[in-house]
Amino acid sequence: MIHEPRLDTILMVEQTILKSEDYPTRTSLWKSLPRKIQYQTFKHILDYLEASGKIVFNDTKIVYTGVNNPKLQALIKSSVRVR
């Protein structure tokens, strides 16, 4: 039985993704959370964030695509434009 995560837990995961130095993998992100949560709940939160357009998965890495992400802006500036 999977329970629905609370809002503070979702925000904790989102803030941890945003504050990470590099693009984290699922396992490294889960281990770096300030509070421990069950892995099923963690995956449920990632599914929600992906469905809402706040994160995308680049192979095994998690990229935060929300508003005001300086890492994403730097990545876009350094990318090659394709027509």
N, C-alpha and C. Protein backbone atom coordinates (compact mmCIF):
# COMPACT_ATOMS: atom_id res chain seq x y z
N MET A 1 0.84 -1.18 0.00
CA MET A 1 0.00 0.00 0.00
C MET A 1 0.89 1.25 0.00
N ILE A 2 0.68 2.10 -0.98
CA ILE A 2 1.44 3.34 -1.08
C ILE A 2 0.57 4.47 -0.56
N HIS A 3 1.13 5.23 0.38
CA HIS A 3 0.38 6.37 0.88
C HIS A 3 0.79 7.62 0.11
N GLU A 4 -0.05 8.61 0.12
CA GLU A 4 0.24 9.86 -0.57
C GLU A 4 1.22 10.69 0.27
N PRO A 5 2.25 11.22 -0.36
CA PRO A 5 3.22 12.02 0.40
C PRO A 5 2.62 13.38 0.78
N ARG A 6 3.11 13.90 1.89
CA ARG A 6 2.66 15.21 2.34
C ARG A 6 3.36 16.29 1.54
N LEU A 7 2.80 17.48 1.54
CA LEU A 7 3.35 18.59 0.78
C LEU A 7 4.76 18.93 1.22
N ASP A 8 5.03 18.92 2.51
CA ASP A 8 6.38 19.27 2.98
C ASP A 8 7.41 18.25 2.50
N THR A 9 7.01 17.00 2.32
CA THR A 9 7.93 15.98 1.81
C THR A 9 8.21 16.22 0.33
N ILE A 10 7.19 16.58 -0.43
CA ILE A 10 7.38 16.88 -1.85
C ILE A 10 8.30 18.09 -2.01
N LEU A 11 8.06 19.12 -1.22
CA LEU A 11 8.89 20.32 -1.28
C LEU A 11 10.33 20.04 -0.86
N MET A 12 10.52 19.14 0.11
CA MET A 12 11.86 18.78 0.54
C MET A 12 12.63 18.13 -0.60
N VAL A 13 12.00 17.21 -1.33
CA VAL A 13 12.66 16.55 -2.46
C VAL A 13 12.96 17.57 -3.55
N GLU A 14 12.01 18.44 -3.84
CA GLU A 14 12.20 19.45 -4.88
C GLU A 14 13.35 20.40 -4.54
N GLN A 15 13.41 20.84 -3.29
CA GLN A 15 14.49 21.74 -2.87
C GLN A 15 15.85 21.05 -2.88
N THR A 16 15.88 19.78 -2.54
CA THR A 16 17.14 19.03 -2.56
C THR A 16 17.66 18.88 -3.99
N ILE A 17 16.76 18.67 -4.94
CA ILE A 17 17.16 18.60 -6.34
C ILE A 17 17.73 19.95 -6.78
N LEU A 18 17.05 21.02 -6.43
CA LEU A 18 17.46 22.35 -6.84
C LEU A 18 18.79 22.77 -6.22
N LYS A 19 19.03 22.39 -4.98
CA LYS A 19 20.25 22.79 -4.28
C LYS A 19 21.45 21.89 -4.54
N SER A 20 21.25 20.78 -5.22
CA SER A 20 22.37 19.86 -5.46
C SER A 20 23.39 20.50 -6.38
N GLU A 21 24.65 20.20 -6.16
CA GLU A 21 25.74 20.78 -6.93
C GLU A 21 25.73 20.29 -8.38
N ASP A 22 25.47 19.01 -8.57
CA ASP A 22 25.48 18.40 -9.88
C ASP A 22 24.10 17.81 -10.12
N TYR A 23 23.88 17.25 -11.28
CA TYR A 23 22.62 16.59 -11.56
C TYR A 23 22.64 15.22 -10.89
N PRO A 24 21.81 15.01 -9.86
CA PRO A 24 21.89 13.77 -9.08
C PRO A 24 21.22 12.59 -9.77
N THR A 25 21.64 11.40 -9.39
CA THR A 25 20.92 10.19 -9.78
C THR A 25 19.83 9.96 -8.74
N ARG A 26 18.93 9.03 -9.03
CA ARG A 26 17.84 8.77 -8.08
C ARG A 26 18.38 8.30 -6.74
N THR A 27 19.31 7.38 -6.77
CA THR A 27 19.84 6.82 -5.52
C THR A 27 20.59 7.86 -4.72
N SER A 28 21.45 8.65 -5.37
CA SER A 28 22.21 9.66 -4.63
C SER A 28 21.30 10.74 -4.07
N LEU A 29 20.25 11.09 -4.81
CA LEU A 29 19.30 12.07 -4.29
C LEU A 29 18.56 11.52 -3.09
N TRP A 30 18.12 10.28 -3.18
CA TRP A 30 17.39 9.66 -2.07
C TRP A 30 18.25 9.61 -0.82
N LYS A 31 19.53 9.29 -0.98
CA LYS A 31 20.42 9.21 0.19
C LYS A 31 20.79 10.58 0.75
N SER A 32 20.67 11.63 -0.06
CA SER A 32 21.07 12.95 0.41
C SER A 32 19.92 13.78 1.00
N LEU A 33 18.73 13.21 1.08
CA LEU A 33 17.60 13.94 1.64
C LEU A 33 17.83 14.23 3.12
N PRO A 34 17.40 15.40 3.59
CA PRO A 34 17.58 15.74 5.01
C PRO A 34 16.83 14.81 5.95
N ARG A 35 15.66 14.35 5.51
CA ARG A 35 14.87 13.39 6.27
C ARG A 35 14.75 12.14 5.43
N LYS A 36 14.78 11.00 6.03
CA LYS A 36 14.65 9.75 5.28
C LYS A 36 13.17 9.44 5.03
N ILE A 37 12.91 8.99 3.81
CA ILE A 37 11.56 8.57 3.43
C ILE A 37 11.67 7.22 2.75
N GLN A 38 10.55 6.53 2.66
CA GLN A 38 10.55 5.23 2.00
C GLN A 38 10.81 5.42 0.51
N TYR A 39 11.49 4.45 -0.10
CA TYR A 39 11.85 4.57 -1.52
C TYR A 39 10.60 4.59 -2.40
N GLN A 40 9.56 3.85 -2.04
CA GLN A 40 8.31 3.87 -2.81
C GLN A 40 7.70 5.28 -2.82
N THR A 41 7.71 5.93 -1.68
CA THR A 41 7.19 7.29 -1.59
C THR A 41 8.05 8.23 -2.41
N PHE A 42 9.37 8.05 -2.35
CA PHE A 42 10.31 8.86 -3.11
C PHE A 42 10.05 8.73 -4.61
N LYS A 43 9.86 7.51 -5.10
CA LYS A 43 9.59 7.31 -6.52
C LYS A 43 8.25 7.92 -6.91
N HIS A 44 7.27 7.86 -6.01
CA HIS A 44 5.96 8.47 -6.26
C HIS A 44 6.10 9.98 -6.41
N ILE A 45 6.94 10.60 -5.58
CA ILE A 45 7.18 12.04 -5.66
C ILE A 45 7.88 12.38 -6.98
N LEU A 46 8.87 11.58 -7.38
CA LEU A 46 9.56 11.83 -8.65
C LEU A 46 8.60 11.70 -9.83
N ASP A 47 7.70 10.74 -9.78
CA ASP A 47 6.69 10.60 -10.84
C ASP A 47 5.80 11.83 -10.91
N TYR A 48 5.42 12.35 -9.74
CA TYR A 48 4.59 13.55 -9.70
C TYR A 48 5.34 14.76 -10.27
N LEU A 49 6.61 14.94 -9.86
CA LEU A 49 7.39 16.07 -10.34
C LEU A 49 7.63 15.99 -11.84
N GLU A 50 7.81 14.78 -12.35
CA GLU A 50 7.99 14.61 -13.80
C GLU A 50 6.68 14.91 -14.54
N ALA A 51 5.56 14.44 -14.02
CA ALA A 51 4.27 14.67 -14.67
C ALA A 51 3.89 16.15 -14.66
N SER A 52 4.33 16.88 -13.64
CA SER A 52 4.01 18.31 -13.56
C SER A 52 5.01 19.17 -14.32
N GLY A 53 6.03 18.55 -14.92
CA GLY A 53 6.99 19.28 -15.74
C GLY A 53 8.10 19.97 -14.97
N LYS A 54 8.29 19.60 -13.72
CA LYS A 54 9.33 20.24 -12.91
C LYS A 54 10.68 19.55 -13.03
N ILE A 55 10.69 18.27 -13.39
CA ILE A 55 11.95 17.56 -13.60
C ILE A 55 11.85 16.73 -14.87
N VAL A 56 13.01 16.42 -15.42
CA VAL A 56 13.12 15.47 -16.53
C VAL A 56 14.28 14.55 -16.20
N PHE A 57 14.26 13.37 -16.78
CA PHE A 57 15.32 12.40 -16.57
C PHE A 57 16.20 12.36 -17.80
N ASN A 58 17.49 12.57 -17.61
CA ASN A 58 18.48 12.48 -18.67
C ASN A 58 19.28 11.22 -18.40
N ASP A 59 18.90 10.12 -19.02
CA ASP A 59 19.43 8.78 -18.73
C ASP A 59 19.18 8.48 -17.25
N THR A 60 20.21 8.58 -16.42
CA THR A 60 20.03 8.29 -15.00
C THR A 60 20.02 9.55 -14.15
N LYS A 61 20.32 10.69 -14.73
CA LYS A 61 20.40 11.95 -13.99
C LYS A 61 19.05 12.64 -13.95
N ILE A 62 18.84 13.44 -12.89
CA ILE A 62 17.61 14.21 -12.73
C ILE A 62 17.94 15.67 -12.99
N VAL A 63 17.20 16.30 -13.90
CA VAL A 63 17.41 17.71 -14.23
C VAL A 63 16.16 18.48 -13.81
N TYR A 64 16.34 19.50 -12.99
CA TYR A 64 15.23 20.33 -12.53
C TYR A 64 14.94 21.37 -13.60
N THR A 65 13.71 21.42 -14.08
CA THR A 65 13.33 22.34 -15.15
C THR A 65 12.38 23.42 -14.67
N GLY A 66 12.26 23.57 -13.38
CA GLY A 66 11.35 24.57 -12.83
C GLY A 66 11.85 25.99 -13.06
N VAL A 67 11.14 26.94 -12.54
CA VAL A 67 11.44 28.36 -12.72
C VAL A 67 12.72 28.74 -11.98
N ASN A 68 13.50 29.62 -12.59
CA ASN A 68 14.71 30.20 -11.99
C ASN A 68 15.75 29.16 -11.59
N ASN A 69 16.08 28.28 -12.49
CA ASN A 69 17.12 27.29 -12.23
C ASN A 69 18.40 27.75 -12.90
N PRO A 70 19.40 28.22 -12.14
CA PRO A 70 20.63 28.73 -12.75
C PRO A 70 21.43 27.65 -13.48
N LYS A 71 21.38 26.42 -13.01
CA LYS A 71 22.10 25.34 -13.69
C LYS A 71 21.52 25.08 -15.08
N LEU A 72 20.20 25.10 -15.18
CA LEU A 72 19.55 24.88 -16.47
C LEU A 72 19.83 26.05 -17.42
N GLN A 73 19.82 27.27 -16.91
CA GLN A 73 20.12 28.43 -17.75
C GLN A 73 21.55 28.36 -18.29
N ALA A 74 22.50 27.93 -17.47
CA ALA A 74 23.88 27.79 -17.92
C ALA A 74 24.00 26.68 -18.96
N LEU A 75 23.26 25.61 -18.77
CA LEU A 75 23.27 24.50 -19.73
C LEU A 75 22.69 24.95 -21.08
N ILE A 76 21.65 25.73 -21.06
CA ILE A 76 21.05 26.23 -22.30
C ILE A 76 22.00 27.18 -23.02
N LYS A 77 22.69 28.05 -22.27
CA LYS A 77 23.64 28.98 -22.89
C LYS A 77 24.82 28.27 -23.52
N SER A 78 25.25 27.16 -22.94
CA SER A 78 26.42 26.46 -23.45
C SER A 78 26.07 25.43 -24.53
N SER A 79 24.80 25.25 -24.81
CA SER A 79 24.39 24.25 -25.79
C SER A 79 24.50 24.78 -27.22
N VAL A 80 24.50 23.88 -28.18
CA VAL A 80 24.58 24.23 -29.59
C VAL A 80 23.16 24.30 -30.14
N ARG A 81 22.87 25.35 -30.85
CA ARG A 81 21.52 25.53 -31.40
C ARG A 81 21.38 24.68 -32.66
N VAL A 82 20.30 23.92 -32.76
CA VAL A 82 20.01 23.08 -33.90
C VAL A 82 18.79 23.64 -34.62
N ARG A 83 18.88 23.77 -35.91
CA ARG A 83 17.74 24.33 -36.67
C ARG A 83 16.80 23.28 -37.09
